[in-house]
Protein backbone atom coordinates (compact mmCIF):
# COMPACT_ATOMS: atom_id res chain seq x y z
CA MET A 1 -92.60 10.86 -7.72
CA LYS A 2 -94.10 13.17 -4.82
CA VAL A 3 -95.18 11.50 -1.50
CA TYR A 4 -96.46 13.08 1.62
CA LYS A 5 -94.65 13.47 4.69
CA VAL A 6 -96.65 14.34 8.46
CA VAL A 7 -94.32 17.11 10.29
CA LYS A 8 -94.99 18.93 13.28
CA LYS A 9 -94.18 22.63 13.01
CA VAL A 10 -92.38 24.48 15.50
CA GLY A 11 -91.98 27.88 14.85
CA GLU A 12 -90.55 28.07 11.44
CA LYS A 13 -89.03 24.45 11.78
CA TYR A 14 -90.67 20.99 10.90
CA TYR A 15 -89.58 17.86 12.99
CA SER A 16 -90.69 14.51 13.03
CA CYS A 17 -94.56 14.58 14.35
CA LEU A 18 -94.75 11.78 16.80
CA ALA A 19 -90.61 10.87 17.36
CA ASN A 20 -89.03 12.40 20.08
CA GLY A 21 -85.29 12.03 21.39
CA ARG A 22 -82.73 10.55 19.18
CA TYR A 23 -85.41 9.31 16.48
CA LYS A 24 -86.65 13.04 16.09
CA LEU A 25 -85.69 14.32 12.56
CA GLU A 26 -85.84 18.00 10.97
CA TYR A 27 -87.22 18.44 7.56
CA VAL A 28 -85.83 21.58 5.84
CA LYS A 29 -87.12 22.81 2.38
CA GLY A 30 -85.04 21.80 -0.45
CA LYS A 31 -82.97 19.52 1.91
CA ILE A 32 -82.41 15.66 2.11
CA THR A 33 -83.49 14.27 5.54
CA THR A 34 -81.90 10.86 6.44
CA ALA A 35 -83.50 8.12 8.49
CA ILE A 36 -81.71 6.92 11.56
CA GLU A 37 -79.93 4.11 11.29
CA GLY A 38 -81.61 0.96 12.48
CA THR A 39 -85.11 2.10 11.72
CA LEU A 40 -87.57 1.21 9.66
CA GLY A 41 -87.19 4.64 7.63
CA ILE A 42 -88.69 7.79 7.21
CA MET A 43 -92.73 7.16 7.47
CA VAL A 44 -94.64 9.03 4.47
CA PHE A 45 -97.74 8.25 2.28
CA PRO A 46 -98.13 7.80 -1.16
CA LYS A 47 -101.76 9.56 -1.33
CA GLU A 48 -102.51 13.02 0.67
CA LYS A 49 -105.44 11.43 1.60
CA ASP A 50 -103.82 8.54 3.71
CA ALA A 51 -101.57 11.53 5.34
CA LYS A 52 -104.69 13.36 6.36
CA ASN A 53 -106.33 10.13 7.87
CA PHE A 54 -102.98 10.01 9.98
CA VAL A 55 -103.53 13.42 11.13
CA ARG A 56 -106.94 12.80 11.91
CA ALA A 57 -105.96 9.68 13.74
CA TRP A 58 -103.13 11.27 15.88
CA TRP A 59 -104.48 15.13 16.00
CA ASP A 60 -102.39 17.44 16.99
CA GLY A 61 -103.34 21.40 15.85
CA LYS A 62 -99.44 21.72 14.92
CA PHE A 63 -99.30 18.68 12.48
CA VAL A 64 -98.79 19.92 8.82
CA ILE A 65 -98.51 17.47 5.75
CA LEU A 66 -95.30 18.44 3.55
CA PRO A 67 -94.56 17.15 -0.07
CA VAL A 68 -91.17 15.27 -0.38
CA THR A 69 -89.54 13.11 -2.97
CA PRO A 70 -88.70 9.32 -1.74
CA ILE A 71 -85.14 8.45 -2.11
CA GLY A 72 -84.46 4.51 -2.65
CA LYS A 73 -86.67 1.72 -2.39
CA GLY A 74 -89.52 1.95 -0.07
CA THR A 75 -91.43 -0.22 2.05
CA TRP A 76 -94.94 -0.91 3.00
CA ILE A 77 -95.25 -1.14 6.94
CA LYS A 78 -97.78 -2.77 8.89
CA THR A 79 -97.08 -1.55 12.72
CA ILE A 80 -95.49 1.75 14.15
CA ALA A 81 -94.49 2.17 17.86
CA ARG A 82 -97.36 3.19 20.07
CA ASP A 83 -96.01 5.99 21.95
CA VAL A 84 -93.81 8.90 20.94
CA LEU A 85 -91.44 8.39 24.14
CA TRP A 86 -87.71 7.47 22.86
CA HIS A 87 -87.82 4.56 25.10
CA VAL A 88 -91.14 3.18 23.60
CA ILE A 89 -89.46 3.66 20.15
CA ARG A 90 -86.56 2.04 21.17
CA ALA A 91 -88.32 -0.91 22.49
CA PHE A 92 -90.43 -1.34 19.38
CA TYR A 93 -87.18 -1.71 17.45
CA ARG A 94 -85.64 -4.08 19.98
CA THR A 95 -88.64 -6.40 20.71
CA LYS A 96 -91.56 -8.09 18.99
CA ALA A 97 -93.85 -7.71 22.31
CA SER A 98 -97.22 -6.36 21.17
CA ASP A 99 -96.92 -3.73 24.43
CA TYR A 100 -94.85 -1.41 22.01
CA TYR A 101 -96.93 -1.16 18.64
CA THR A 102 -99.73 -0.53 17.00
CA SER A 103 -101.15 -0.71 13.63
CA ALA A 104 -100.02 1.95 11.07
CA VAL A 105 -102.35 3.70 9.30
CA LYS A 106 -103.25 2.42 5.77
CA GLY A 107 -100.91 3.47 3.26
CA THR A 108 -97.89 3.99 5.45
CA LYS A 109 -94.55 3.61 3.59
CA CYS A 110 -91.08 3.93 4.92
CA TYR A 111 -88.08 5.19 2.95
CA LYS A 112 -84.38 5.76 3.80
CA ALA A 113 -84.29 9.28 2.99
CA VAL A 114 -86.28 11.83 1.40
CA ARG A 115 -86.11 15.57 -0.03
CA VAL A 116 -88.27 18.05 1.26
CA LEU A 117 -89.87 20.03 -1.81
């Protein structure tokens, strides 16, 4: 099954589009990327149109959409960290306070790992 991952292109490399610090992952074509332990997983979209909606919502000219194969059982999510700063992401995982989260774009699903196609 193919799903879609929004990433940030830096030179010829692909990274997590919004996560920074210890939460930032690199995506290499043909390789498996595994989520950071203790997180919701790697955020993807089953439909390309939902990935495009995410790009529109968080627009950055360096964002691209990569096709990936999910590994494991996915989980639908409703909230994501409201900011890209590592300490806000950490607070999102440590607390339920609404100061640290915002609604996820429709169609957001997380997996523990993905293989970049």
